Amino acid sequence: MTTQPGKPPLADLFAAALRKRDENGRHLHHRDCIHNLPPERQVAVRGKTTEWWTRIIGPLPEQITPDQWETEPPQWETP
């Protein structure tokens, strides 16, 4: 499973994001993060419906803009 041709598998991207979060103590927004997507797409990427999300989690996640980016995207390890 890959994101796009020439991109690493999603599992590698998730692992890199988790490593970066461990280094910084929290998620830092960047140009490739899920928070750039519209709220409905963020929910769908997580495998949920907006109905489920609003009933169980509450308000839909917010979409960020480039002025809210805090860091460069995580770097995955190449084999």
C-alpha atoms as a PDB file:
ATOM      1  CA  MET A   1       0.000   0.000   0.000  1.00  0.00           C
ATOM      2  CA  THR A   2       1.537   3.287  -1.126  1.00  0.00           C
ATOM      3  CA  THR A   3       0.322   6.839  -1.061  1.00  0.00           C
ATOM      4  CA  GLN A   4       1.411   7.821  -4.570  1.00  0.00           C
ATOM      5  CA  PRO A   5       3.982   6.543  -7.068  1.00  0.00           C
ATOM      6  CA  GLY A   6       7.419   7.376  -5.727  1.00  0.00           C
ATOM      7  CA  LYS A   7       6.137   7.921  -2.163  1.00  0.00           C
ATOM      8  CA  PRO A   8       6.813   5.568   0.759  1.00  0.00           C
ATOM      9  CA  PRO A   9       4.160   3.149   2.062  1.00  0.00           C
ATOM     10  CA  LEU A  10       1.640   4.689   4.436  1.00  0.00           C
ATOM     11  CA  ALA A  11       2.976   2.583   7.313  1.00  0.00           C
ATOM     12  CA  ASP A  12       6.389   4.254   6.870  1.00  0.00           C
ATOM     13  CA  LEU A  13       4.795   7.708   6.866  1.00  0.00           C
ATOM     14  CA  PHE A  14       2.840   6.927  10.031  1.00  0.00           C
ATOM     15  CA  ALA A  15       5.970   5.593  11.747  1.00  0.00           C
ATOM     16  CA  ALA A  16       7.925   8.724  10.785  1.00  0.00           C
ATOM     17  CA  ALA A  17       5.110  10.954  12.080  1.00  0.00           C
ATOM     18  CA  LEU A  18       5.001   9.080  15.395  1.00  0.00           C
ATOM     19  CA  ARG A  19       8.792   9.389  15.783  1.00  0.00           C
ATOM     20  CA  LYS A  20       8.569  13.140  15.175  1.00  0.00           C
ATOM     21  CA  ARG A  21       5.727  13.458  17.697  1.00  0.00           C
ATOM     22  CA  ASP A  22       7.838  11.602  20.288  1.00  0.00           C
ATOM     23  CA  GLU A  23      10.731  13.995  19.655  1.00  0.00           C
ATOM     24  CA  ASN A  24       8.546  17.115  20.056  1.00  0.00           C
ATOM     25  CA  GLY A  25       6.065  15.933  22.680  1.00  0.00           C
ATOM     26  CA  ARG A  26       3.100  16.617  20.392  1.00  0.00           C
ATOM     27  CA  HIS A  27       2.060  16.642  16.748  1.00  0.00           C
ATOM     28  CA  LEU A  28       3.473  19.609  14.854  1.00  0.00           C
ATOM     29  CA  HIS A  29       1.530  20.717  11.762  1.00  0.00           C
ATOM     30  CA  HIS A  30       3.316  20.548   8.388  1.00  0.00           C
ATOM     31  CA  ARG A  31       2.498  20.641   4.681  1.00  0.00           C
ATOM     32  CA  ASP A  32       1.830  16.876   4.455  1.00  0.00           C
ATOM     33  CA  CYS A  33      -0.256  16.364   7.608  1.00  0.00           C
ATOM     34  CA  ILE A  34      -3.841  15.181   7.673  1.00  0.00           C
ATOM     35  CA  HIS A  35      -5.002  18.483   9.130  1.00  0.00           C
ATOM     36  CA  ASN A  36      -4.574  20.194   5.734  1.00  0.00           C
ATOM     37  CA  LEU A  37      -7.529  18.168   4.454  1.00  0.00           C
ATOM     38  CA  PRO A  38     -11.151  19.286   4.775  1.00  0.00           C
ATOM     39  CA  PRO A  39     -12.768  17.965   7.988  1.00  0.00           C
ATOM     40  CA  GLU A  40     -14.888  15.363   6.174  1.00  0.00           C
ATOM     41  CA  ARG A  41     -11.804  13.948   4.427  1.00  0.00           C
ATOM     42  CA  GLN A  42      -9.835  13.820   7.700  1.00  0.00           C
ATOM     43  CA  VAL A  43     -12.624  11.733   9.190  1.00  0.00           C
ATOM     44  CA  ALA A  44     -12.813   9.448   6.130  1.00  0.00           C
ATOM     45  CA  VAL A  45      -9.034   8.875   6.144  1.00  0.00           C
ATOM     46  CA  ARG A  46      -9.413   7.674   9.730  1.00  0.00           C
ATOM     47  CA  GLY A  47     -12.016   5.157   8.547  1.00  0.00           C
ATOM     48  CA  LYS A  48     -15.001   6.838  10.201  1.00  0.00           C
ATOM     49  CA  THR A  49     -18.138   8.593   9.004  1.00  0.00           C
ATOM     50  CA  THR A  50     -18.980  12.173   9.890  1.00  0.00           C
ATOM     51  CA  GLU A  51     -22.116  10.899  11.611  1.00  0.00           C
ATOM     52  CA  TRP A  52     -20.081   8.549  13.816  1.00  0.00           C
ATOM     53  CA  TRP A  53     -17.490  11.258  14.492  1.00  0.00           C
ATOM     54  CA  THR A  54     -19.961  13.891  15.632  1.00  0.00           C
ATOM     55  CA  ARG A  55     -21.879  11.400  17.764  1.00  0.00           C
ATOM     56  CA  ILE A  56     -18.832   9.801  19.471  1.00  0.00           C
ATOM     57  CA  ILE A  57     -16.006  12.382  19.252  1.00  0.00           C
ATOM     58  CA  GLY A  58     -17.873  15.662  18.907  1.00  0.00           C
ATOM     59  CA  PRO A  59     -17.046  18.534  16.553  1.00  0.00           C
ATOM     60  CA  LEU A  60     -15.314  17.670  13.292  1.00  0.00           C
ATOM     61  CA  PRO A  61     -11.554  18.323  13.186  1.00  0.00           C
ATOM     62  CA  GLU A  62     -10.442  21.691  11.876  1.00  0.00           C
ATOM     63  CA  GLN A  63      -8.629  22.257   8.608  1.00  0.00           C
ATOM     64  CA  ILE A  64      -5.354  24.180   8.935  1.00  0.00           C
ATOM     65  CA  THR A  65      -3.802  26.664   6.518  1.00  0.00           C
ATOM     66  CA  PRO A  66      -0.147  27.057   5.474  1.00  0.00           C
ATOM     67  CA  ASP A  67       0.367  29.874   7.990  1.00  0.00           C
ATOM     68  CA  GLN A  68      -0.240  27.276  10.742  1.00  0.00           C
ATOM     69  CA  TRP A  69       2.550  24.907   9.642  1.00  0.00           C
ATOM     70  CA  GLU A  70       5.080  24.503  12.451  1.00  0.00           C
ATOM     71  CA  THR A  71       7.717  22.195  10.979  1.00  0.00           C
ATOM     72  CA  GLU A  72       8.882  20.277   7.948  1.00  0.00           C
ATOM     73  CA  PRO A  73       7.198  16.928   7.228  1.00  0.00           C
ATOM     74  CA  PRO A  74       8.688  13.893   8.996  1.00  0.00           C
ATOM     75  CA  GLN A  75      11.385  12.079   7.099  1.00  0.00           C
ATOM     76  CA  TRP A  76      10.906   8.374   6.571  1.00  0.00           C
ATOM     77  CA  GLU A  77      13.781   5.972   6.609  1.00  0.00           C
ATOM     78  CA  THR A  78      14.756   4.688   3.184  1.00  0.00           C
ATOM     79  CA  PRO A  79      15.851   1.070   2.874  1.00  0.00           C
END
